[in-house]
Structure formats: C-alpha cells, structure tokens
Protein backbone atom coordinates (compact mmCIF):
# COMPACT_ATOMS: atom_id res chain seq x y z
CA MET A 1 22.61 -62.94 2.09
CA LYS A 2 24.86 -60.20 3.95
CA SER A 3 26.47 -58.93 0.64
CA LEU A 4 22.84 -58.56 -1.13
CA ALA A 5 21.99 -56.53 2.00
CA LYS A 6 25.25 -54.28 1.27
CA ILE A 7 24.21 -54.08 -2.16
CA LEU A 8 20.64 -52.67 -1.26
CA LEU A 9 22.12 -50.30 1.12
CA ILE A 10 24.94 -49.29 -1.19
CA VAL A 11 22.62 -48.64 -4.61
CA PRO A 12 20.36 -45.84 -3.13
CA LEU A 13 23.41 -44.45 -1.44
CA LEU A 14 25.18 -43.95 -4.53
CA TYR A 15 21.58 -42.92 -6.34
CA LEU A 16 21.61 -39.93 -3.78
CA ILE A 17 24.99 -38.97 -4.29
CA ILE A 18 25.01 -39.20 -8.08
CA MET A 19 21.83 -38.06 -8.94
CA PRO A 20 22.05 -34.33 -7.51
CA VAL A 21 25.71 -34.02 -9.61
CA TYR A 22 23.77 -35.12 -12.57
CA LEU A 23 21.08 -32.99 -12.37
CA ALA A 24 23.46 -30.18 -11.27
CA SER A 25 25.47 -30.99 -14.62
CA SER A 26 22.55 -31.30 -16.76
CA THR A 27 20.68 -27.89 -15.75
CA SER A 28 23.81 -25.58 -16.13
CA THR A 29 23.85 -26.50 -19.99
CA LYS A 30 20.18 -26.02 -20.32
CA PRO A 31 19.19 -22.83 -21.61
CA CYS A 32 17.04 -20.22 -19.36
CA SER A 33 13.43 -20.93 -20.55
CA GLY A 34 11.58 -18.29 -18.22
CA ILE A 35 11.64 -15.64 -15.61
CA MET A 36 8.94 -16.02 -12.90
CA ILE A 37 8.40 -12.99 -10.40
CA CYS A 38 6.56 -13.54 -7.23
CA ILE A 39 5.83 -10.16 -5.24
CA LYS A 40 4.38 -11.18 -1.66
CA ASP A 41 1.42 -8.73 -0.62
CA SER A 42 1.44 -7.07 -4.24
CA SER A 43 -2.35 -6.31 -3.84
CA ASP A 44 -1.67 -4.42 -0.46
CA TYR A 45 1.40 -2.57 -1.33
CA HIS A 46 2.59 -1.28 -4.73
CA PHE A 47 6.65 -0.15 -3.51
CA VAL A 48 8.20 -2.31 -6.47
CA THR A 49 6.48 -3.26 -9.54
CA LYS A 50 7.61 -6.41 -11.66
CA ARG A 51 9.08 -4.41 -14.42
CA GLN A 52 10.98 -2.61 -12.21
CA LEU A 53 12.31 -6.43 -10.72
CA LEU A 54 12.77 -7.31 -14.40
CA ASN A 55 15.17 -4.19 -15.15
CA LEU A 56 16.94 -5.53 -12.20
CA VAL A 57 17.38 -9.02 -13.35
CA TYR A 58 18.37 -8.04 -16.90
CA GLY A 59 21.11 -5.77 -15.42
CA ASN A 60 23.76 -4.63 -18.14
CA THR A 61 23.60 -7.84 -20.13
CA GLY A 62 20.23 -6.98 -21.82
CA LYS A 63 19.89 -10.91 -22.52
CA ILE A 64 18.75 -13.57 -20.12
CA LEU A 65 16.81 -15.79 -21.87
CA GLY A 66 18.08 -18.33 -24.25
CA GLN A 67 21.31 -18.06 -22.30
CA PRO A 68 23.00 -21.33 -20.52
CA VAL A 69 22.12 -21.38 -17.16
CA SER A 70 25.87 -21.56 -15.90
CA ASN A 71 26.48 -18.04 -17.44
CA ILE A 72 23.55 -16.65 -15.22
CA SER A 73 24.45 -15.21 -11.78
CA VAL A 74 22.13 -15.84 -9.55
CA PHE A 75 24.02 -14.28 -6.90
CA ASP A 76 24.72 -10.57 -8.74
CA ILE A 77 21.15 -10.61 -9.69
CA GLU A 78 19.93 -10.98 -5.94
CA ASN A 79 22.27 -8.47 -4.78
CA ARG A 80 20.76 -6.03 -7.01
CA ILE A 81 17.60 -6.80 -5.80
CA ASN A 82 18.43 -6.68 -2.12
CA GLY A 83 19.57 -3.11 -3.12
CA LEU A 84 15.88 -2.11 -2.77
CA ARG A 85 15.18 -0.71 0.50
CA GLU A 86 11.41 -1.37 -0.17
CA LEU A 87 12.06 -5.50 0.24
CA LYS A 88 12.19 -7.26 3.43
CA VAL A 89 13.53 -10.40 1.59
CA ALA A 90 14.41 -11.20 -2.08
CA GLU A 91 15.53 -14.49 -3.31
CA VAL A 92 16.30 -15.79 -6.78
CA TYR A 93 16.99 -19.30 -7.68
CA MET A 94 17.15 -21.31 -10.86
CA SER A 95 14.71 -24.79 -11.16
CA ILE A 96 15.95 -27.60 -12.99
CA ASP A 97 13.63 -26.79 -15.82
CA GLY A 98 16.04 -23.38 -16.41
CA THR A 99 13.27 -21.35 -14.95
CA LEU A 100 14.71 -18.07 -13.22
CA HIS A 101 12.57 -17.74 -9.64
CA VAL A 102 12.50 -14.14 -8.35
CA TYR A 103 10.24 -14.00 -4.83
CA VAL A 104 10.47 -10.73 -3.27
CA ASP A 105 8.64 -9.64 0.39
CA GLN A 106 8.05 -5.87 0.42
CA ARG A 107 8.41 -3.86 3.89
CA ASN A 108 5.31 -3.20 5.84
CA PRO A 109 5.16 0.30 6.33
CA VAL A 110 3.86 1.76 9.71
CA MET A 111 4.11 5.71 9.15
CA ARG A 112 5.24 8.47 6.74
CA VAL A 113 7.75 11.07 7.81
CA ILE A 114 8.00 14.40 6.29
CA PRO A 115 10.56 16.43 7.91
CA ASP A 116 10.71 20.27 7.30
CA GLU A 117 13.98 20.22 5.98
CA GLY A 118 12.69 18.04 3.36
CA GLY A 119 12.38 14.71 2.02
CA ASP A 120 9.69 12.27 1.99
CA TYR A 121 10.02 8.57 4.02
CA PHE A 122 8.18 5.40 4.75
CA ILE A 123 9.36 3.83 7.98
CA ASP A 124 8.59 0.18 8.32
CA GLU A 125 7.58 -2.09 11.35
CA GLU A 126 11.29 -2.76 11.91
CA GLY A 127 12.54 0.87 12.07
CA ILE A 128 13.74 0.69 8.56
CA VAL A 129 13.65 3.85 6.74
CA MET A 130 13.23 3.75 2.89
CA ARG A 131 12.68 6.64 0.52
CA ARG A 132 8.75 7.74 -0.77
CA ARG A 133 10.07 6.53 -4.66
CA ASN A 134 6.57 6.77 -6.48
CA LEU A 135 3.42 8.24 -6.39
CA TYR A 136 1.90 5.20 -4.30
CA THR A 137 0.99 6.22 -0.70
CA PRO A 138 -0.87 3.61 1.77
CA ARG A 139 -2.70 5.40 4.66
CA LEU A 140 -0.30 5.68 7.49
CA GLN A 141 0.14 8.17 10.30
CA VAL A 142 1.85 11.10 8.73
CA ILE A 143 4.61 12.69 10.95
CA GLY A 144 6.15 16.22 10.41
CA GLY A 145 8.04 18.79 11.40
CA ASN A 146 11.49 18.86 13.54
CA ILE A 147 12.91 15.54 12.16
CA ASN A 148 16.68 14.57 11.17
CA ILE A 149 16.86 11.59 9.20
CA SER A 150 20.34 10.61 9.62
CA GLN A 151 22.94 8.72 6.83
CA ALA A 152 22.59 5.93 8.77
CA MET A 153 18.89 5.61 8.58
CA LEU A 154 19.23 5.98 5.07
CA ASN A 155 22.10 3.34 4.81
CA GLY A 156 19.56 0.72 6.56
CA VAL A 157 20.25 0.63 10.47
CA SER A 158 16.51 0.57 12.28
CA ILE A 159 15.55 3.83 14.01
CA LEU A 160 15.34 1.22 17.11
CA ASP A 161 19.10 0.39 16.67
CA THR A 162 21.22 1.33 19.88
CA SER A 163 23.64 3.13 17.71
CA ILE A 164 20.71 5.90 16.71
CA LYS A 165 21.14 8.43 19.39
CA ASN A 166 19.24 10.93 20.70
CA SER A 167 16.24 10.64 17.55
CA ILE A 168 13.03 11.89 18.45
CA LEU A 169 11.64 9.19 16.01
CA LYS A 170 12.34 6.28 18.54
CA ASP A 171 9.76 7.96 20.60
CA ILE A 172 7.25 8.73 17.72
CA PHE A 173 7.57 5.23 16.76
CA GLN A 174 6.65 4.23 19.93
CA LEU A 175 3.40 6.43 20.01
CA VAL A 176 2.49 5.15 16.17
CA ASP A 177 2.35 1.90 17.52
CA PHE A 178 -0.02 2.52 20.37
CA ILE A 179 -2.21 4.57 18.06
CA ASN A 180 -2.49 1.86 15.39
CA ASN A 181 -3.11 -0.88 18.04
CA LYS A 182 -6.02 1.54 19.17
CA SER A 183 -9.35 1.63 17.05
CA PHE A 184 -10.67 5.04 18.56
CA TRP A 185 -7.04 6.84 18.21
CA SER A 186 -6.02 5.16 14.69
CA ALA A 187 -9.39 6.64 13.51
CA GLN A 188 -9.25 10.10 15.25
CA ILE A 189 -5.33 11.09 14.65
CA ASP A 190 -4.72 12.34 11.53
CA GLN A 191 -1.12 13.71 11.75
CA ILE A 192 1.95 14.33 13.93
CA TYR A 193 3.95 17.13 14.43
CA ILE A 194 7.12 17.57 16.02
CA ASP A 195 8.12 21.18 16.89
CA GLY A 196 11.41 22.73 17.48
CA ASN A 197 11.44 21.87 21.34
CA ASP A 198 11.09 18.10 20.73
CA GLU A 199 7.76 18.14 21.83
CA ILE A 200 4.41 16.44 19.94
CA ASP A 201 1.32 18.14 18.66
CA LEU A 202 -1.53 15.70 17.34
CA MET A 203 -3.78 16.78 14.76
CA PRO A 204 -7.21 14.86 14.76
CA ARG A 205 -9.55 14.40 12.11
CA VAL A 206 -12.69 15.29 14.05
CA GLY A 207 -13.06 18.81 16.18
CA ASN A 208 -11.13 22.09 14.63
CA HIS A 209 -8.44 22.13 17.55
CA LEU A 210 -4.89 21.16 17.91
CA ILE A 211 -3.81 18.51 20.84
CA HIS A 212 -0.51 19.34 22.66
CA LEU A 213 0.96 15.99 24.04
CA GLY A 214 4.36 17.35 24.76
CA THR A 215 6.80 15.09 25.50
CA ILE A 216 6.45 11.55 24.71
CA GLU A 217 6.39 10.73 28.96
CA ASN A 218 2.90 9.29 29.83
CA TYR A 219 1.78 9.41 27.01
CA GLU A 220 -0.70 6.53 27.60
CA GLY A 221 -2.21 8.39 30.51
CA LYS A 222 -2.32 11.60 28.61
CA LEU A 223 -4.25 10.39 25.96
CA ARG A 224 -6.50 8.35 28.66
CA ASN A 225 -7.16 11.43 29.88
CA LEU A 226 -8.08 13.08 26.57
CA GLY A 227 -10.56 10.36 26.11
CA ALA A 228 -12.52 11.01 29.02
CA PHE A 229 -12.18 14.63 28.04
CA TYR A 230 -13.58 13.65 24.28
CA ASP A 231 -16.73 11.61 26.22
CA LYS A 232 -17.56 13.76 28.89
CA VAL A 233 -16.89 17.77 28.12
CA LEU A 234 -17.05 17.97 24.10
CA PRO A 235 -19.99 16.80 23.79
CA GLU A 236 -21.70 19.24 25.99
CA VAL A 237 -19.62 22.25 24.83
CA GLY A 238 -18.96 21.30 21.18
CA TRP A 239 -16.32 19.91 19.32
CA ASN A 240 -15.15 23.06 18.17
CA LYS A 241 -15.37 25.11 21.10
CA TYR A 242 -11.14 25.22 21.67
CA SER A 243 -8.43 26.28 19.75
CA LEU A 244 -5.62 24.18 22.00
CA ILE A 245 -5.90 20.81 24.33
CA ASN A 246 -2.89 21.09 26.25
CA LEU A 247 -2.17 17.44 27.96
CA GLU A 248 1.79 18.31 29.03
CA PHE A 249 1.01 18.71 32.56
CA ARG A 250 0.32 15.30 34.40
CA ASP A 251 -3.43 14.69 35.14
CA GLN A 252 -4.44 17.92 34.13
CA ILE A 253 -6.44 19.38 30.84
CA VAL A 254 -5.61 22.79 29.95
CA CYS A 255 -7.97 24.36 26.93
CA LYS A 256 -7.43 27.55 25.01
CA LYS A 257 -11.04 28.80 23.92
CA ARG A 258 -11.45 29.80 20.30
C-alpha cells in the first residue's frame, strides 16, 4: 500500500518535471507562425505604431515568419523595442503555438516642453523626457522659455531624480501636477513660460492678460488669491482691463492697466 502511494506521488512529480522540458523542446523546433502586437491604450496615445514595432521585431534579419523558434532571439527583439523612450513597458515572448507576442505600454505624458534654444519634448508622469517624434500631440500644458534639457534627461534619467540639479523643470512639474488636478486651473491655464530669471509666467485661455507668478514659492497661495481676484474683481471691471496681473508678492496682487 505504501509502495502504491509512493508511485501515485512520483508520477505527478515526474509529469511536472518532464512536460516543461518536452514542451520547450518541441516548441523550439516549430516555425514562427505569427506575430501578435498589442499596444496598451492605443486609442488614447499614438506615440508608437504597430508598423514601427514590427520594423523593430524584424530588425536587420528581414525574416521572422517561418523561422524555427530556436533561431529567434526574443531577448534581442525586446532590447530593440525597449530603446523607444515613449514606452514604459515592453515585453516579448513566444507562445507554445509558435506565435511571437509583443506587448507594450506607452508612457503617460503630463506636459509638453518647447525650450527657447530649440527642441520639442514630452515629459511623462514619472518625469521621463521623450522627444516629440511625430505630428501627434496630446492636449497638455505647454511649457516654453529658458529651459535646459540635459543629456542625462535625454538618456532616460527622470527630472525628479536627485542627480538632476538646479532644474526649473522640477518646480514646473510640481506646478503642472497641481494645475492638472484642479479643474478650473486646468481649463484656464493655456501655457507656462520661464523667463531668463527662472521666474514663471502663466498665459490664460480667458482674458487678454499675462499672469506673473514669480518663483514657485507659495504657488498654491498665489493661485488661491488669483482665483478670488477672478471671482470678485474681474467680473466687475472686465476681463481685459489689465495687461498684467502680478502675483510674485506674498498676499498681494499688483495689476497693470492696459
């Protein structure tokens, strides 16, 4: 009876050991029967296309379909695809039926940066900088002016990383996060500009005036004061009465008439 029990325990164990080896061996001799590409949130963002990913899958070989699975380097394909800064995740694997699967998750941009010195970039929710490569442009806060995009940022170091020193973009990232999470300011602020003194100007969608925020210090209080000014003063005097609304002084709003 004990012998029978041992056999009943050993057989499933052998099955668990042998079957993966058998399946791996049989799969490696199969030809690649297809390529399946899945782009997460493809309806929301269009940073990469299936054609672009397919070109990276083929690389310099020019041939994948029909090739023995053992001849296809999933590792190399995944590395090529991971070279796209627009992707947060890239996974490549081969299924038992010989299908090559490519799954990618695109980054979620929160602002667009156009420095005076040239260039056009997106920055995602993790602070990763990516170049704007095509005509697709999601509706984001646009940041312009005196901004330096360093080589470290272009190499994939987040602007939030402690190794990135003295970057106004860290302050702007904080400000944009606040604006994006407040429905009124998200609808009202159209662009943000950084001047030569690293001070911040806001360009509204409604009202023909410039908002000078000054430094990032106490930005929440400054915008709170501006909200009260919008609510109580501008409806009385008119939205186009002032050319400049200056918020840089604590608990003060200084306006310049048109």
